[in-house]
């Protein structure tokens, strides 16, 4: 459930692909049964195309990767988090439109 330029993060690759990334990373914490998550998915796919080469964008399925979700305090989904230099530097919860996400991303690159 991700576009061509949106990665899938999990417990096996989260440290290498997110925490050790040289680029800013947007992580979409989601689940297949979550309606707002499905609503934001096309926006995430668009951002993946538009920000290709500028930031890394990926998704974490909270049902399959509970330890990652717990570690970063994800209590509601969708939660969109920005990681920079191995640390979470920004986080929003709930459906947000593209303009809000662009503003959030642009403030970190």
Protein backbone atom coordinates (compact mmCIF):
# COMPACT_ATOMS: atom_id res chain seq x y z
CA UNK A 1 0.00 0.00 0.00
CA UNK A 2 2.75 2.40 -0.95
CA UNK A 3 3.75 4.27 -4.07
CA UNK A 4 6.95 3.56 -5.99
CA UNK A 5 8.87 6.27 -4.11
CA UNK A 6 7.52 5.40 -0.65
CA UNK A 7 9.52 2.83 1.31
CA UNK A 8 8.25 0.24 3.74
CA UNK A 9 9.98 0.44 7.11
CA UNK A 10 9.95 -2.39 9.65
CA UNK A 11 11.91 -3.67 12.62
CA UNK A 12 14.58 -5.09 10.29
CA UNK A 13 15.38 -1.85 8.43
CA UNK A 14 14.17 1.01 10.66
CA UNK A 15 17.56 1.71 12.21
CA UNK A 16 19.49 1.64 8.93
CA UNK A 17 16.89 3.36 6.72
CA UNK A 18 15.48 5.91 9.18
CA UNK A 19 17.75 6.48 12.16
CA UNK A 20 21.01 6.33 10.19
CA UNK A 21 19.71 8.13 7.09
CA UNK A 22 21.75 11.07 5.81
CA UNK A 23 18.48 12.67 4.67
CA UNK A 24 15.40 13.86 6.52
CA UNK A 25 12.87 11.00 6.77
CA UNK A 26 9.07 11.23 6.94
CA UNK A 27 7.53 8.15 8.54
CA UNK A 28 3.81 7.44 8.18
CA UNK A 29 2.65 5.18 11.03
CA UNK A 30 -0.50 3.48 9.69
CA UNK A 31 -2.65 0.33 9.62
CA UNK A 32 -4.74 -1.17 6.80
CA UNK A 33 -7.98 -0.98 8.81
CA UNK A 34 -7.58 2.76 9.56
CA UNK A 35 -9.83 4.96 7.37
CA UNK A 36 -7.88 8.23 7.93
CA UNK A 37 -4.69 6.31 7.07
CA UNK A 38 -6.20 5.28 3.75
CA UNK A 39 -7.24 8.91 3.16
CA UNK A 40 -3.70 10.23 3.65
CA UNK A 41 -2.05 7.43 1.62
CA UNK A 42 -2.45 9.15 -1.80
CA UNK A 43 -0.98 12.35 -0.34
CA UNK A 44 2.01 10.41 1.00
CA UNK A 45 2.48 8.84 -2.46
CA UNK A 46 2.41 12.30 -4.10
CA UNK A 47 4.95 13.63 -1.61
CA UNK A 48 7.15 10.61 -2.29
CA UNK A 49 7.27 11.61 -5.96
CA UNK A 50 7.62 15.36 -5.36
CA UNK A 51 10.35 15.11 -2.69
CA UNK A 52 12.33 12.31 -4.35
CA UNK A 53 16.02 12.95 -3.72
CA UNK A 54 15.28 15.60 -1.07
CA UNK A 55 13.82 13.47 1.72
CA UNK A 56 13.06 9.81 2.32
CA UNK A 57 9.40 8.91 2.78
CA UNK A 58 8.17 5.61 4.16
CA UNK A 59 5.48 3.81 6.08
CA UNK A 60 5.40 1.65 9.22
CA UNK A 61 2.48 -0.74 9.65
CA UNK A 62 1.80 -0.44 13.39
CA UNK A 63 0.12 -3.86 13.56
CA UNK A 64 3.24 -5.58 12.23
CA UNK A 65 5.84 -3.36 13.95
CA UNK A 66 4.55 -2.69 17.45
CA UNK A 67 7.97 -2.14 19.08
CA UNK A 68 8.78 0.77 16.74
CA UNK A 69 5.38 2.36 17.33
CA UNK A 70 5.73 2.01 21.10
CA UNK A 71 9.26 3.38 21.12
CA UNK A 72 8.10 6.61 19.47
CA UNK A 73 4.88 7.06 21.44
CA UNK A 74 2.48 6.37 18.58
CA UNK A 75 -0.88 6.13 20.32
CA UNK A 76 -3.18 7.11 17.43
CA UNK A 77 -2.92 6.71 13.69
CA UNK A 78 -2.14 8.06 11.28
CA UNK A 79 0.87 9.60 12.94
CA UNK A 80 3.36 11.32 10.67
CA UNK A 81 6.82 11.80 12.15
CA UNK A 82 9.93 13.53 10.86
CA UNK A 83 13.31 12.04 11.73
CA UNK A 84 16.54 13.96 11.33
CA UNK A 85 19.96 12.87 12.51
CA UNK A 86 18.53 9.74 14.12
CA UNK A 87 15.98 11.58 16.25
CA UNK A 88 12.28 12.31 15.89
CA UNK A 89 12.08 16.09 15.50
CA UNK A 90 8.41 16.61 14.63
CA UNK A 91 5.15 14.65 14.80
CA UNK A 92 1.51 15.18 13.88
CA UNK A 93 -1.42 12.87 14.46
CA UNK A 94 -4.59 12.50 12.44
CA UNK A 95 -5.44 13.23 8.85
CA UNK A 96 -3.79 16.34 7.44
CA UNK A 97 -4.04 17.78 3.97
CA UNK A 98 -1.15 18.09 1.59
CA UNK A 99 -0.57 21.79 2.33
CA UNK A 100 -0.03 21.05 6.05
CA UNK A 101 2.39 18.23 5.26
CA UNK A 102 4.34 20.31 2.74
CA UNK A 103 4.70 23.07 5.32
CA UNK A 104 5.93 20.57 7.91
CA UNK A 105 8.42 18.97 5.50
CA UNK A 106 9.75 22.25 4.16
CA UNK A 107 10.50 23.45 7.69
CA UNK A 108 12.96 20.56 8.12
CA UNK A 109 14.87 20.57 4.82
